[in-house]
PDB file of N, CA and C in Angstrom:
ATOM      1  N   UNK A   1      80.759 100.995  98.245  1.00  0.00           N
ATOM      2  CA  UNK A   1      81.010  99.588  98.121  1.00  0.00           C
ATOM      3  C   UNK A   1      79.873  98.797  98.746  1.00  0.00           C
ATOM      4  N   UNK A   2      78.744  98.988  98.241  1.00  0.00           N
ATOM      5  CA  UNK A   2      77.566  98.307  98.762  1.00  0.00           C
ATOM      6  C   UNK A   2      77.673  96.812  98.531  1.00  0.00           C
ATOM      7  N   UNK A   3      77.171  96.055  99.474  1.00  0.00           N
ATOM      8  CA  UNK A   3      77.166  94.607  99.338  1.00  0.00           C
ATOM      9  C   UNK A   3      78.401  93.908  99.876  1.00  0.00           C
ATOM     10  N   UNK A   4      79.430  94.656 100.254  1.00  0.00           N
ATOM     11  CA  UNK A   4      80.639  94.038 100.793  1.00  0.00           C
ATOM     12  C   UNK A   4      80.551  93.944 102.306  1.00  0.00           C
ATOM     13  N   UNK A   5      81.102  92.870 102.855  1.00  0.00           N
ATOM     14  CA  UNK A   5      81.147  92.737 104.308  1.00  0.00           C
ATOM     15  C   UNK A   5      82.149  93.737 104.876  1.00  0.00           C
ATOM     16  N   UNK A   6      82.125  93.930 106.173  1.00  0.00           N
ATOM     17  CA  UNK A   6      83.075  94.850 106.805  1.00  0.00           C
ATOM     18  C   UNK A   6      84.503  94.404 106.558  1.00  0.00           C
ATOM     19  N   UNK A   7      84.738  93.100 106.625  1.00  0.00           N
ATOM     20  CA  UNK A   7      86.082  92.572 106.390  1.00  0.00           C
ATOM     21  C   UNK A   7      86.537  92.862 104.964  1.00  0.00           C
ATOM     22  N   UNK A   8      85.680  92.614 103.991  1.00  0.00           N
ATOM     23  CA  UNK A   8      86.041  92.888 102.594  1.00  0.00           C
ATOM     24  C   UNK A   8      86.283  94.368 102.357  1.00  0.00           C
ATOM     25  N   UNK A   9      85.495  95.222 102.979  1.00  0.00           N
ATOM     26  CA  UNK A   9      85.714  96.664 102.854  1.00  0.00           C
ATOM     27  C   UNK A   9      87.075  97.050 103.413  1.00  0.00           C
ATOM     28  N   UNK A  10      87.429  96.478 104.567  1.00  0.00           N
ATOM     29  CA  UNK A  10      88.732  96.774 105.176  1.00  0.00           C
ATOM     30  C   UNK A  10      89.865  96.271 104.290  1.00  0.00           C
ATOM     31  N   UNK A  11      89.722  95.088 103.724  1.00  0.00           N
ATOM     32  CA  UNK A  11      90.775  94.518 102.878  1.00  0.00           C
ATOM     33  C   UNK A  11      90.989  95.318 101.602  1.00  0.00           C
ATOM     34  N   UNK A  12      89.947  95.898 101.051  1.00  0.00           N
ATOM     35  CA  UNK A  12      90.112  96.682  99.826  1.00  0.00           C
ATOM     36  C   UNK A  12      90.848  97.999 100.075  1.00  0.00           C
ATOM     37  N   UNK A  13      90.957  98.412 101.319  1.00  0.00           N
ATOM     38  CA  UNK A  13      91.671  99.657 101.643  1.00  0.00           C
ATOM     39  C   UNK A  13      93.166  99.440 101.841  1.00  0.00           C
ATOM     40  N   UNK A  14      93.614  98.186 101.887  1.00  0.00           N
ATOM     41  CA  UNK A  14      95.033  97.894 102.077  1.00  0.00           C
ATOM     42  C   UNK A  14      95.756  98.070 100.741  1.00  0.00           C
ATOM     43  N   UNK A  15      96.762  98.940 100.689  1.00  0.00           N
ATOM     44  CA  UNK A  15      97.505  99.103  99.435  1.00  0.00           C
ATOM     45  C   UNK A  15      98.220  97.807  99.066  1.00  0.00           C
ATOM     46  N   UNK A  16      98.169  97.411  97.814  1.00  0.00           N
ATOM     47  CA  UNK A  16      98.802  96.168  97.394  1.00  0.00           C
ATOM     48  C   UNK A  16     100.259  96.365  96.998  1.00  0.00           C
ATOM     49  N   UNK A  17     100.701  97.570  96.834  1.00  0.00           N
ATOM     50  CA  UNK A  17     102.080  97.840  96.434  1.00  0.00           C
ATOM     51  C   UNK A  17     102.785  98.668  97.501  1.00  0.00           C
ATOM     52  N   UNK A  18     104.031  98.329  97.774  1.00  0.00           N
ATOM     53  CA  UNK A  18     104.785  99.001  98.834  1.00  0.00           C
ATOM     54  C   UNK A  18     104.953 100.496  98.562  1.00  0.00           C
ATOM     55  N   UNK A  19     105.107 100.883  97.297  1.00  0.00           N
ATOM     56  CA  UNK A  19     105.330 102.304  97.018  1.00  0.00           C
ATOM     57  C   UNK A  19     104.107 103.162  97.285  1.00  0.00           C
ATOM     58  N   UNK A  20     102.956 102.527  97.502  1.00  0.00           N
ATOM     59  CA  UNK A  20     101.756 103.286  97.837  1.00  0.00           C
ATOM     60  C   UNK A  20     101.568 103.410  99.341  1.00  0.00           C
ATOM     61  N   UNK A  21     102.450 102.818 100.123  1.00  0.00           N
ATOM     62  CA  UNK A  21     102.336 102.831 101.574  1.00  0.00           C
ATOM     63  C   UNK A  21     103.127 103.998 102.157  1.00  0.00           C
ATOM     64  N   UNK A  22     102.812 104.349 103.360  1.00  0.00           N
ATOM     65  CA  UNK A  22     103.510 105.415 104.074  1.00  0.00           C
ATOM     66  C   UNK A  22     104.920 104.944 104.421  1.00  0.00           C
ATOM     67  N   UNK A  23     105.946 105.742 104.100  1.00  0.00           N
ATOM     68  CA  UNK A  23     107.336 105.351 104.350  1.00  0.00           C
ATOM     69  C   UNK A  23     107.601 105.086 105.830  1.00  0.00           C
ATOM     70  N   UNK A  24     106.977 105.836 106.695  1.00  0.00           N
ATOM     71  CA  UNK A  24     107.166 105.632 108.135  1.00  0.00           C
ATOM     72  C   UNK A  24     106.689 104.234 108.533  1.00  0.00           C
ATOM     73  N   UNK A  25     105.546 103.832 107.997  1.00  0.00           N
ATOM     74  CA  UNK A  25     105.004 102.501 108.289  1.00  0.00           C
ATOM     75  C   UNK A  25     105.926 101.407 107.744  1.00  0.00           C
ATOM     76  N   UNK A  26     106.490 101.613 106.558  1.00  0.00           N
ATOM     77  CA  UNK A  26     107.405 100.629 105.987  1.00  0.00           C
ATOM     78  C   UNK A  26     108.655 100.481 106.848  1.00  0.00           C
ATOM     79  N   UNK A  27     109.203 101.598 107.322  1.00  0.00           N
ATOM     80  CA  UNK A  27     110.387 101.533 108.187  1.00  0.00           C
ATOM     81  C   UNK A  27     110.082 100.815 109.491  1.00  0.00           C
ATOM     82  N   UNK A  28     108.925 101.089 110.070  1.00  0.00           N
ATOM     83  CA  UNK A  28     108.564 100.487 111.354  1.00  0.00           C
ATOM     84  C   UNK A  28     108.297  98.991 111.250  1.00  0.00           C
ATOM     85  N   UNK A  29     107.847  98.521 110.099  1.00  0.00           N
ATOM     86  CA  UNK A  29     107.484  97.111 109.954  1.00  0.00           C
ATOM     87  C   UNK A  29     108.535  96.293 109.212  1.00  0.00           C
ATOM     88  N   UNK A  30     109.664  96.905 108.842  1.00  0.00           N
ATOM     89  CA  UNK A  30     110.721  96.195 108.123  1.00  0.00           C
ATOM     90  C   UNK A  30     111.338  95.123 109.011  1.00  0.00           C
ATOM     91  N   UNK A  31     111.519  93.931 108.455  1.00  0.00           N
ATOM     92  CA  UNK A  31     112.163  92.832 109.170  1.00  0.00           C
ATOM     93  C   UNK A  31     113.385  92.415 108.369  1.00  0.00           C
ATOM     94  N   UNK A  32     114.562  92.542 108.975  1.00  0.00           N
ATOM     95  CA  UNK A  32     115.800  92.164 108.298  1.00  0.00           C
ATOM     96  C   UNK A  32     115.933  90.648 108.319  1.00  0.00           C
ATOM     97  N   UNK A  33     115.971  90.035 107.161  1.00  0.00           N
ATOM     98  CA  UNK A  33     116.062  88.581 107.067  1.00  0.00           C
ATOM     99  C   UNK A  33     117.504  88.088 107.079  1.00  0.00           C
ATOM    100  N   UNK A  34     118.459  88.998 107.025  1.00  0.00           N
ATOM    101  CA  UNK A  34     119.862  88.606 107.021  1.00  0.00           C
ATOM    102  C   UNK A  34     120.410  88.329 105.635  1.00  0.00           C
ATOM    103  N   UNK A  35     119.593  88.426 104.620  1.00  0.00           N
ATOM    104  CA  UNK A  35     120.044  88.111 103.264  1.00  0.00           C
ATOM    105  C   UNK A  35     121.005  89.174 102.725  1.00  0.00           C
ATOM    106  N   UNK A  36     120.965  90.383 103.243  1.00  0.00           N
ATOM    107  CA  UNK A  36     121.842  91.448 102.740  1.00  0.00           C
ATOM    108  C   UNK A  36     123.313  91.087 102.922  1.00  0.00           C
ATOM    109  N   UNK A  37     123.652  90.429 104.011  1.00  0.00           N
ATOM    110  CA  UNK A  37     125.044  90.020 104.231  1.00  0.00           C
ATOM    111  C   UNK A  37     125.502  89.020 103.168  1.00  0.00           C
ATOM    112  N   UNK A  38     124.619  88.114 102.772  1.00  0.00           N
ATOM    113  CA  UNK A  38     124.959  87.138 101.738  1.00  0.00           C
ATOM    114  C   UNK A  38     125.124  87.807 100.375  1.00  0.00           C
ATOM    115  N   UNK A  39     124.332  88.833 100.112  1.00  0.00           N
ATOM    116  CA  UNK A  39     124.372  89.498  98.810  1.00  0.00           C
ATOM    117  C   UNK A  39     125.561  90.435  98.660  1.00  0.00           C
ATOM    118  N   UNK A  40     126.276  90.674  99.736  1.00  0.00           N
ATOM    119  CA  UNK A  40     127.435  91.564  99.704  1.00  0.00           C
ATOM    120  C   UNK A  40     128.623  90.920  98.988  1.00  0.00           C
ATOM    121  N   UNK A  41     128.570  89.647  98.747  1.00  0.00           N
ATOM    122  CA  UNK A  41     129.658  88.936  98.074  1.00  0.00           C
ATOM    123  C   UNK A  41     129.571  89.184  96.556  1.00  0.00           C
ATOM    124  N   UNK A  42     130.704  89.127  95.876  1.00  0.00           N
ATOM    125  CA  UNK A  42     130.740  89.467  94.455  1.00  0.00           C
ATOM    126  C   UNK A  42     130.077  88.423  93.560  1.00  0.00           C
ATOM    127  N   UNK A  43     129.899  87.201  94.048  1.00  0.00           N
ATOM    128  CA  UNK A  43     129.321  86.163  93.196  1.00  0.00           C
ATOM    129  C   UNK A  43     127.805  86.042  93.337  1.00  0.00           C
ATOM    130  N   UNK A  44     127.148  87.033  93.910  1.00  0.00           N
ATOM    131  CA  UNK A  44     125.695  87.038  94.039  1.00  0.00           C
ATOM    132  C   UNK A  44     125.133  88.265  93.321  1.00  0.00           C
ATOM    133  N   UNK A  45     123.982  88.084  92.711  1.00  0.00           N
ATOM    134  CA  UNK A  45     123.323  89.184  92.024  1.00  0.00           C
ATOM    135  C   UNK A  45     121.839  89.159  92.348  1.00  0.00           C
ATOM    136  N   UNK A  46     121.248  90.329  92.386  1.00  0.00           N
ATOM    137  CA  UNK A  46     119.805  90.444  92.569  1.00  0.00           C
ATOM    138  C   UNK A  46     119.276  91.307  91.445  1.00  0.00           C
ATOM    139  N   UNK A  47     118.271  90.806  90.776  1.00  0.00           N
ATOM    140  CA  UNK A  47     117.615  91.556  89.711  1.00  0.00           C
ATOM    141  C   UNK A  47     116.204  91.849  90.177  1.00  0.00           C
ATOM    142  N   UNK A  48     115.855  93.105  90.258  1.00  0.00           N
ATOM    143  CA  UNK A  48     114.536  93.453  90.759  1.00  0.00           C
ATOM    144  C   UNK A  48     113.896  94.515  89.888  1.00  0.00           C
ATOM    145  N   UNK A  49     112.597  94.603  89.990  1.00  0.00           N
ATOM    146  CA  UNK A  49     111.854  95.592  89.231  1.00  0.00           C
ATOM    147  C   UNK A  49     110.369  95.248  89.268  1.00  0.00           C
ATOM    148  N   UNK A  50     109.589  96.107  88.716  1.00  0.00           N
ATOM    149  CA  UNK A  50     108.132  95.906  88.702  1.00  0.00           C
ATOM    150  C   UNK A  50     107.781  94.697  87.848  1.00  0.00           C
ATOM    151  N   UNK A  51     106.623  94.159  88.129  1.00  0.00           N
ATOM    152  CA  UNK A  51     106.151  93.020  87.340  1.00  0.00           C
ATOM    153  C   UNK A  51     105.967  93.435  85.888  1.00  0.00           C
ATOM    154  N   UNK A  52     106.297  92.500  85.004  1.00  0.00           N
ATOM    155  CA  UNK A  52     106.079  92.749  83.579  1.00  0.00           C
ATOM    156  C   UNK A  52     107.124  93.604  82.918  1.00  0.00           C
ATOM    157  N   UNK A  53     108.315  93.730  83.505  1.00  0.00           N
ATOM    158  CA  UNK A  53     109.335  94.590  82.913  1.00  0.00           C
ATOM    159  C   UNK A  53     110.474  93.783  82.271  1.00  0.00           C
ATOM    160  N   UNK A  54     110.288  92.479  82.079  1.00  0.00           N
ATOM    161  CA  UNK A  54     111.271  91.689  81.346  1.00  0.00           C
ATOM    162  C   UNK A  54     112.483  91.257  82.139  1.00  0.00           C
ATOM    163  N   UNK A  55     112.330  90.987  83.420  1.00  0.00           N
ATOM    164  CA  UNK A  55     113.472  90.571  84.238  1.00  0.00           C
ATOM    165  C   UNK A  55     113.940  89.150  83.927  1.00  0.00           C
ATOM    166  N   UNK A  56     113.080  88.343  83.386  1.00  0.00           N
ATOM    167  CA  UNK A  56     113.487  86.958  83.095  1.00  0.00           C
ATOM    168  C   UNK A  56     114.336  86.905  81.860  1.00  0.00           C
TER     169      UNK A  56
END
């Protein structure tokens, strides 16, 4: 990666997707926002998936 600054080189090494990260690191850095308690009710739904898979 010639021509890149040290900062840019470091930034390109950061995985952009969670599934490419180490599971241990994900567990250690997880922050519970409290939204799970709200989603436990029957009148709430969450639709999730990868980008471009037709969720809208």
